[in-house]
Amino acid sequence: MRRKEKTVDVYHASGELEAQVIKGLLESNGIPCIMRSDAASSVHAFTVDGMGEVKIAVLESMADEARRIIGGE
């Protein structure tokens, strides 16, 4: 039986548009990712006290590389 690898958050975007840019950057570098949010994207176009925040998560084994890419190092 194969054990599922967990995901970790590597970026917190202030909105869906910013999250889409980061997601595209990671995926273009071969790192699959998911976007997670507690709020419906059409309801919150901006962030107020974390509302509208979108988290980008990747597999734990790819987290360091993802952070490096996002950081531009």
PDB file of N, CA and C in Angstrom:
ATOM      1  N   MET A   1       0.833  -1.175   0.000  1.00  0.00           N
ATOM      2  CA  MET A   1       0.000   0.000   0.000  1.00  0.00           C
ATOM      3  C   MET A   1       0.887   1.251   0.000  1.00  0.00           C
ATOM      4  N   ARG A   2       0.540   2.210  -0.827  1.00  0.00           N
ATOM      5  CA  ARG A   2       1.283   3.462  -0.916  1.00  0.00           C
ATOM      6  C   ARG A   2       0.734   4.480   0.069  1.00  0.00           C
ATOM      7  N   ARG A   3       1.614   5.117   0.774  1.00  0.00           N
ATOM      8  CA  ARG A   3       1.206   6.129   1.732  1.00  0.00           C
ATOM      9  C   ARG A   3       1.047   7.472   1.026  1.00  0.00           C
ATOM     10  N   LYS A   4      -0.045   8.180   1.318  1.00  0.00           N
ATOM     11  CA  LYS A   4      -0.267   9.490   0.715  1.00  0.00           C
ATOM     12  C   LYS A   4       0.670  10.521   1.330  1.00  0.00           C
ATOM     13  N   GLU A   5       1.278  11.308   0.469  1.00  0.00           N
ATOM     14  CA  GLU A   5       2.137  12.383   0.951  1.00  0.00           C
ATOM     15  C   GLU A   5       1.265  13.587   1.284  1.00  0.00           C
ATOM     16  N   LYS A   6       1.564  14.240   2.385  1.00  0.00           N
ATOM     17  CA  LYS A   6       0.748  15.384   2.767  1.00  0.00           C
ATOM     18  C   LYS A   6       1.194  16.642   2.035  1.00  0.00           C
ATOM     19  N   THR A   7       0.315  17.625   2.026  1.00  0.00           N
ATOM     20  CA  THR A   7       0.623  18.906   1.400  1.00  0.00           C
ATOM     21  C   THR A   7       0.933  19.938   2.480  1.00  0.00           C
ATOM     22  N   VAL A   8       1.705  20.934   2.095  1.00  0.00           N
ATOM     23  CA  VAL A   8       2.039  22.032   2.997  1.00  0.00           C
ATOM     24  C   VAL A   8       1.829  23.358   2.270  1.00  0.00           C
ATOM     25  N   ASP A   9       1.416  24.372   3.024  1.00  0.00           N
ATOM     26  CA  ASP A   9       1.244  25.700   2.452  1.00  0.00           C
ATOM     27  C   ASP A   9       2.612  26.330   2.223  1.00  0.00           C
ATOM     28  N   VAL A  10       2.796  26.882   1.035  1.00  0.00           N
ATOM     29  CA  VAL A  10       4.060  27.547   0.722  1.00  0.00           C
ATOM     30  C   VAL A  10       3.871  29.032   0.431  1.00  0.00           C
ATOM     31  N   TYR A  11       2.610  29.460   0.292  1.00  0.00           N
ATOM     32  CA  TYR A  11       2.364  30.864  -0.020  1.00  0.00           C
ATOM     33  C   TYR A  11       0.953  31.231   0.400  1.00  0.00           C
ATOM     34  N   HIS A  12       0.799  32.450   0.910  1.00  0.00           N
ATOM     35  CA  HIS A  12      -0.516  32.988   1.252  1.00  0.00           C
ATOM     36  C   HIS A  12      -0.728  34.225   0.391  1.00  0.00           C
ATOM     37  N   ALA A  13      -1.659  34.136  -0.552  1.00  0.00           N
ATOM     38  CA  ALA A  13      -1.945  35.252  -1.453  1.00  0.00           C
ATOM     39  C   ALA A  13      -3.076  36.089  -0.879  1.00  0.00           C
ATOM     40  N   SER A  14      -3.079  37.362  -1.197  1.00  0.00           N
ATOM     41  CA  SER A  14      -4.119  38.250  -0.689  1.00  0.00           C
ATOM     42  C   SER A  14      -5.416  38.156  -1.493  1.00  0.00           C
ATOM     43  N   GLY A  15      -5.400  37.428  -2.590  1.00  0.00           N
ATOM     44  CA  GLY A  15      -6.600  37.257  -3.399  1.00  0.00           C
ATOM     45  C   GLY A  15      -6.388  36.208  -4.466  1.00  0.00           C
ATOM     46  N   GLU A  16      -7.465  35.887  -5.175  1.00  0.00           N
ATOM     47  CA  GLU A  16      -7.402  34.823  -6.176  1.00  0.00           C
ATOM     48  C   GLU A  16      -6.496  35.167  -7.351  1.00  0.00           C
ATOM     49  N   LEU A  17      -6.481  36.408  -7.775  1.00  0.00           N
ATOM     50  CA  LEU A  17      -5.636  36.792  -8.912  1.00  0.00           C
ATOM     51  C   LEU A  17      -4.159  36.565  -8.598  1.00  0.00           C
ATOM     52  N   GLU A  18      -3.722  37.012  -7.431  1.00  0.00           N
ATOM     53  CA  GLU A  18      -2.331  36.797  -7.017  1.00  0.00           C
ATOM     54  C   GLU A  18      -2.036  35.300  -6.908  1.00  0.00           C
ATOM     55  N   ALA A  19      -2.989  34.549  -6.359  1.00  0.00           N
ATOM     56  CA  ALA A  19      -2.812  33.096  -6.211  1.00  0.00           C
ATOM     57  C   ALA A  19      -2.676  32.414  -7.567  1.00  0.00           C
ATOM     58  N   GLN A  20      -3.444  32.852  -8.552  1.00  0.00           N
ATOM     59  CA  GLN A  20      -3.362  32.269  -9.895  1.00  0.00           C
ATOM     60  C   GLN A  20      -1.980  32.506 -10.512  1.00  0.00           C
ATOM     61  N   VAL A  21      -1.402  33.679 -10.262  1.00  0.00           N
ATOM     62  CA  VAL A  21      -0.069  33.985 -10.793  1.00  0.00           C
ATOM     63  C   VAL A  21       0.964  33.047 -10.168  1.00  0.00           C
ATOM     64  N   ILE A  22       0.906  32.869  -8.849  1.00  0.00           N
ATOM     65  CA  ILE A  22       1.847  31.989  -8.153  1.00  0.00           C
ATOM     66  C   ILE A  22       1.646  30.550  -8.591  1.00  0.00           C
ATOM     67  N   LYS A  23       0.398  30.133  -8.729  1.00  0.00           N
ATOM     68  CA  LYS A  23       0.093  28.769  -9.190  1.00  0.00           C
ATOM     69  C   LYS A  23       0.685  28.533 -10.574  1.00  0.00           C
ATOM     70  N   GLY A  24       0.517  29.494 -11.486  1.00  0.00           N
ATOM     71  CA  GLY A  24       1.084  29.382 -12.829  1.00  0.00           C
ATOM     72  C   GLY A  24       2.591  29.308 -12.810  1.00  0.00           C
ATOM     73  N   LEU A  25       3.227  30.099 -11.944  1.00  0.00           N
ATOM     74  CA  LEU A  25       4.682  30.087 -11.814  1.00  0.00           C
ATOM     75  C   LEU A  25       5.172  28.714 -11.367  1.00  0.00           C
ATOM     76  N   LEU A  26       4.530  28.167 -10.339  1.00  0.00           N
ATOM     77  CA  LEU A  26       4.941  26.853  -9.840  1.00  0.00           C
ATOM     78  C   LEU A  26       4.705  25.761 -10.877  1.00  0.00           C
ATOM     79  N   GLU A  27       3.529  25.746 -11.474  1.00  0.00           N
ATOM     80  CA  GLU A  27       3.215  24.696 -12.448  1.00  0.00           C
ATOM     81  C   GLU A  27       4.101  24.778 -13.680  1.00  0.00           C
ATOM     82  N   SER A  28       4.489  25.977 -14.078  1.00  0.00           N
ATOM     83  CA  SER A  28       5.384  26.104 -15.239  1.00  0.00           C
ATOM     84  C   SER A  28       6.789  25.587 -14.923  1.00  0.00           C
ATOM     85  N   ASN A  29       7.079  25.444 -13.627  1.00  0.00           N
ATOM     86  CA  ASN A  29       8.356  24.881 -13.188  1.00  0.00           C
ATOM     87  C   ASN A  29       8.204  23.428 -12.735  1.00  0.00           C
ATOM     88  N   GLY A  30       7.095  22.800 -13.113  1.00  0.00           N
ATOM     89  CA  GLY A  30       6.901  21.380 -12.845  1.00  0.00           C
ATOM     90  C   GLY A  30       6.448  21.026 -11.441  1.00  0.00           C
ATOM     91  N   ILE A  31       5.919  22.001 -10.703  1.00  0.00           N
ATOM     92  CA  ILE A  31       5.458  21.742  -9.345  1.00  0.00           C
ATOM     93  C   ILE A  31       3.937  21.869  -9.299  1.00  0.00           C
ATOM     94  N   PRO A  32       3.235  20.736  -9.195  1.00  0.00           N
ATOM     95  CA  PRO A  32       1.776  20.803  -9.088  1.00  0.00           C
ATOM     96  C   PRO A  32       1.375  21.409  -7.746  1.00  0.00           C
ATOM     97  N   CYS A  33       0.290  22.163  -7.742  1.00  0.00           N
ATOM     98  CA  CYS A  33      -0.149  22.786  -6.503  1.00  0.00           C
ATOM     99  C   CYS A  33      -1.659  22.927  -6.478  1.00  0.00           C
ATOM    100  N   ILE A  34      -2.161  23.230  -5.304  1.00  0.00           N
ATOM    101  CA  ILE A  34      -3.588  23.473  -5.153  1.00  0.00           C
ATOM    102  C   ILE A  34      -3.787  24.814  -4.457  1.00  0.00           C
ATOM    103  N   MET A  35      -4.923  25.424  -4.733  1.00  0.00           N
ATOM    104  CA  MET A  35      -5.290  26.677  -4.084  1.00  0.00           C
ATOM    105  C   MET A  35      -6.424  26.365  -3.114  1.00  0.00           C
ATOM    106  N   ARG A  36      -6.312  26.926  -1.899  1.00  0.00           N
ATOM    107  CA  ARG A  36      -7.349  26.711  -0.894  1.00  0.00           C
ATOM    108  C   ARG A  36      -7.759  28.053  -0.302  1.00  0.00           C
ATOM    109  N   SER A  37      -9.068  28.196  -0.092  1.00  0.00           N
ATOM    110  CA  SER A  37      -9.585  29.418   0.500  1.00  0.00           C
ATOM    111  C   SER A  37     -10.793  29.078   1.357  1.00  0.00           C
ATOM    112  N   ASP A  38     -10.999  29.857   2.403  1.00  0.00           N
ATOM    113  CA  ASP A  38     -12.175  29.665   3.259  1.00  0.00           C
ATOM    114  C   ASP A  38     -13.387  30.415   2.740  1.00  0.00           C
ATOM    115  N   ALA A  39     -13.187  31.294   1.778  1.00  0.00           N
ATOM    116  CA  ALA A  39     -14.277  32.123   1.274  1.00  0.00           C
ATOM    117  C   ALA A  39     -14.474  31.906  -0.216  1.00  0.00           C
ATOM    118  N   ALA A  40     -15.691  32.103  -0.664  1.00  0.00           N
ATOM    119  CA  ALA A  40     -15.982  32.017  -2.098  1.00  0.00           C
ATOM    120  C   ALA A  40     -15.270  33.157  -2.804  1.00  0.00           C
ATOM    121  N   SER A  41     -14.565  32.847  -3.882  1.00  0.00           N
ATOM    122  CA  SER A  41     -13.759  33.862  -4.561  1.00  0.00           C
ATOM    123  C   SER A  41     -14.592  35.007  -5.116  1.00  0.00           C
ATOM    124  N   SER A  42     -15.808  34.752  -5.535  1.00  0.00           N
ATOM    125  CA  SER A  42     -16.633  35.818  -6.103  1.00  0.00           C
ATOM    126  C   SER A  42     -17.162  36.762  -5.022  1.00  0.00           C
ATOM    127  N   VAL A  43     -17.109  36.348  -3.767  1.00  0.00           N
ATOM    128  CA  VAL A  43     -17.621  37.171  -2.680  1.00  0.00           C
ATOM    129  C   VAL A  43     -16.565  38.158  -2.203  1.00  0.00           C
ATOM    130  N   HIS A  44     -15.306  37.723  -2.126  1.00  0.00           N
ATOM    131  CA  HIS A  44     -14.238  38.565  -1.588  1.00  0.00           C
ATOM    132  C   HIS A  44     -13.201  38.869  -2.661  1.00  0.00           C
ATOM    133  N   ALA A  45     -13.282  40.063  -3.196  1.00  0.00           N
ATOM    134  CA  ALA A  45     -12.319  40.462  -4.224  1.00  0.00           C
ATOM    135  C   ALA A  45     -11.042  41.012  -3.606  1.00  0.00           C
ATOM    136  N   PHE A  46     -11.048  41.251  -2.310  1.00  0.00           N
ATOM    137  CA  PHE A  46      -9.883  41.777  -1.611  1.00  0.00           C
ATOM    138  C   PHE A  46      -9.823  41.155  -0.222  1.00  0.00           C
ATOM    139  N   THR A  47      -8.715  41.364   0.459  1.00  0.00           N
ATOM    140  CA  THR A  47      -8.518  40.758   1.773  1.00  0.00           C
ATOM    141  C   THR A  47      -8.780  41.764   2.887  1.00  0.00           C
ATOM    142  N   VAL A  48      -9.606  41.377   3.842  1.00  0.00           N
ATOM    143  CA  VAL A  48      -9.852  42.149   5.053  1.00  0.00           C
ATOM    144  C   VAL A  48      -9.721  41.184   6.211  1.00  0.00           C
ATOM    145  N   ASP A  49      -8.725  41.372   7.049  1.00  0.00           N
ATOM    146  CA  ASP A  49      -8.479  40.471   8.174  1.00  0.00           C
ATOM    147  C   ASP A  49      -8.414  39.019   7.742  1.00  0.00           C
ATOM    148  N   GLY A  50      -7.778  38.749   6.606  1.00  0.00           N
ATOM    149  CA  GLY A  50      -7.601  37.380   6.141  1.00  0.00           C
ATOM    150  C   GLY A  50      -8.724  36.846   5.278  1.00  0.00           C
ATOM    151  N   MET A  51      -9.858  37.548   5.229  1.00  0.00           N
ATOM    152  CA  MET A  51     -10.951  37.083   4.370  1.00  0.00           C
ATOM    153  C   MET A  51     -10.536  37.290   2.922  1.00  0.00           C
ATOM    154  N   GLY A  52     -10.715  36.291   2.109  1.00  0.00           N
ATOM    155  CA  GLY A  52     -10.305  36.367   0.715  1.00  0.00           C
ATOM    156  C   GLY A  52      -8.902  35.846   0.480  1.00  0.00           C
ATOM    157  N   GLU A  53      -8.199  35.529   1.558  1.00  0.00           N
ATOM    158  CA  GLU A  53      -6.848  34.980   1.433  1.00  0.00           C
ATOM    159  C   GLU A  53      -6.902  33.599   0.779  1.00  0.00           C
ATOM    160  N   VAL A  54      -5.955  33.351  -0.111  1.00  0.00           N
ATOM    161  CA  VAL A  54      -5.869  32.066  -0.799  1.00  0.00           C
ATOM    162  C   VAL A  54      -4.508  31.455  -0.482  1.00  0.00           C
ATOM    163  N   LYS A  55      -4.516  30.212  -0.034  1.00  0.00           N
ATOM    164  CA  LYS A  55      -3.279  29.515   0.305  1.00  0.00           C
ATOM    165  C   LYS A  55      -2.888  28.604  -0.849  1.00  0.00           C
ATOM    166  N   ILE A  56      -1.598  28.587  -1.156  1.00  0.00           N
ATOM    167  CA  ILE A  56      -1.052  27.705  -2.177  1.00  0.00           C
ATOM    168  C   ILE A  56      -0.345  26.568  -1.457  1.00  0.00           C
ATOM    169  N   ALA A  57      -0.728  25.343  -1.769  1.00  0.00           N
ATOM    170  CA  ALA A  57      -0.126  24.173  -1.130  1.00  0.00           C
ATOM    171  C   ALA A  57       0.490  23.261  -2.182  1.00  0.00           C
ATOM    172  N   VAL A  58       1.608  22.641  -1.804  1.00  0.00           N
ATOM    173  CA  VAL A  58       2.308  21.681  -2.665  1.00  0.00           C
ATOM    174  C   VAL A  58       2.619  20.440  -1.842  1.00  0.00           C
ATOM    175  N   LEU A  59       3.039  19.389  -2.525  1.00  0.00           N
ATOM    176  CA  LEU A  59       3.467  18.199  -1.804  1.00  0.00           C
ATOM    177  C   LEU A  59       4.660  18.555  -0.930  1.00  0.00           C
ATOM    178  N   GLU A  60       4.706  17.951   0.236  1.00  0.00           N
ATOM    179  CA  GLU A  60       5.759  18.262   1.204  1.00  0.00           C
ATOM    180  C   GLU A  60       7.161  18.103   0.608  1.00  0.00           C
ATOM    181  N   SER A  61       7.343  17.099  -0.237  1.00  0.00           N
ATOM    182  CA  SER A  61       8.659  16.853  -0.831  1.00  0.00           C
ATOM    183  C   SER A  61       9.080  17.946  -1.822  1.00  0.00           C
ATOM    184  N   MET A  62       8.134  18.775  -2.273  1.00  0.00           N
ATOM    185  CA  MET A  62       8.431  19.834  -3.239  1.00  0.00           C
ATOM    186  C   MET A  62       8.406  21.223  -2.614  1.00  0.00           C
ATOM    187  N   ALA A  63       8.153  21.300  -1.305  1.00  0.00           N
ATOM    188  CA  ALA A  63       7.961  22.586  -0.646  1.00  0.00           C
ATOM    189  C   ALA A  63       9.192  23.487  -0.725  1.00  0.00           C
ATOM    190  N   ASP A  64      10.369  22.953  -0.464  1.00  0.00           N
ATOM    191  CA  ASP A  64      11.581  23.784  -0.493  1.00  0.00           C
ATOM    192  C   ASP A  64      11.822  24.365  -1.881  1.00  0.00           C
ATOM    193  N   GLU A  65      11.660  23.545  -2.905  1.00  0.00           N
ATOM    194  CA  GLU A  65      11.848  24.013  -4.283  1.00  0.00           C
ATOM    195  C   GLU A  65      10.797  25.063  -4.632  1.00  0.00           C
ATOM    196  N   ALA A  66       9.557  24.856  -4.213  1.00  0.00           N
ATOM    197  CA  ALA A  66       8.486  25.815  -4.490  1.00  0.00           C
ATOM    198  C   ALA A  66       8.792  27.165  -3.841  1.00  0.00           C
ATOM    199  N   ARG A  67       9.232  27.131  -2.594  1.00  0.00           N
ATOM    200  CA  ARG A  67       9.576  28.392  -1.908  1.00  0.00           C
ATOM    201  C   ARG A  67      10.745  29.088  -2.591  1.00  0.00           C
ATOM    202  N   ARG A  68      11.689  28.327  -3.074  1.00  0.00           N
ATOM    203  CA  ARG A  68      12.835  28.904  -3.783  1.00  0.00           C
ATOM    204  C   ARG A  68      12.364  29.606  -5.052  1.00  0.00           C
ATOM    205  N   ILE A  69      11.479  28.955  -5.789  1.00  0.00           N
ATOM    206  CA  ILE A  69      10.960  29.527  -7.036  1.00  0.00           C
ATOM    207  C   ILE A  69      10.147  30.802  -6.751  1.00  0.00           C
ATOM    208  N   ILE A  70       9.294  30.741  -5.756  1.00  0.00           N
ATOM    209  CA  ILE A  70       8.471  31.899  -5.407  1.00  0.00           C
ATOM    210  C   ILE A  70       9.344  33.061  -4.938  1.00  0.00           C
ATOM    211  N   GLY A  71      10.376  32.736  -4.192  1.00  0.00           N
ATOM    212  CA  GLY A  71      11.273  33.760  -3.675  1.00  0.00           C
ATOM    213  C   GLY A  71      12.209  34.338  -4.709  1.00  0.00           C
ATOM    214  N   GLY A  72      12.284  33.715  -5.869  1.00  0.00           N
ATOM    215  CA  GLY A  72      13.148  34.202  -6.938  1.00  0.00           C
ATOM    216  C   GLY A  72      14.627  33.932  -6.734  1.00  0.00           C
ATOM    217  N   GLU A  73      14.929  32.973  -5.885  1.00  0.00           N
ATOM    218  CA  GLU A  73      16.336  32.648  -5.615  1.00  0.00           C
ATOM    219  C   GLU A  73      16.926  31.770  -6.684  1.00  0.00           C
TER     220      GLU A  73
END
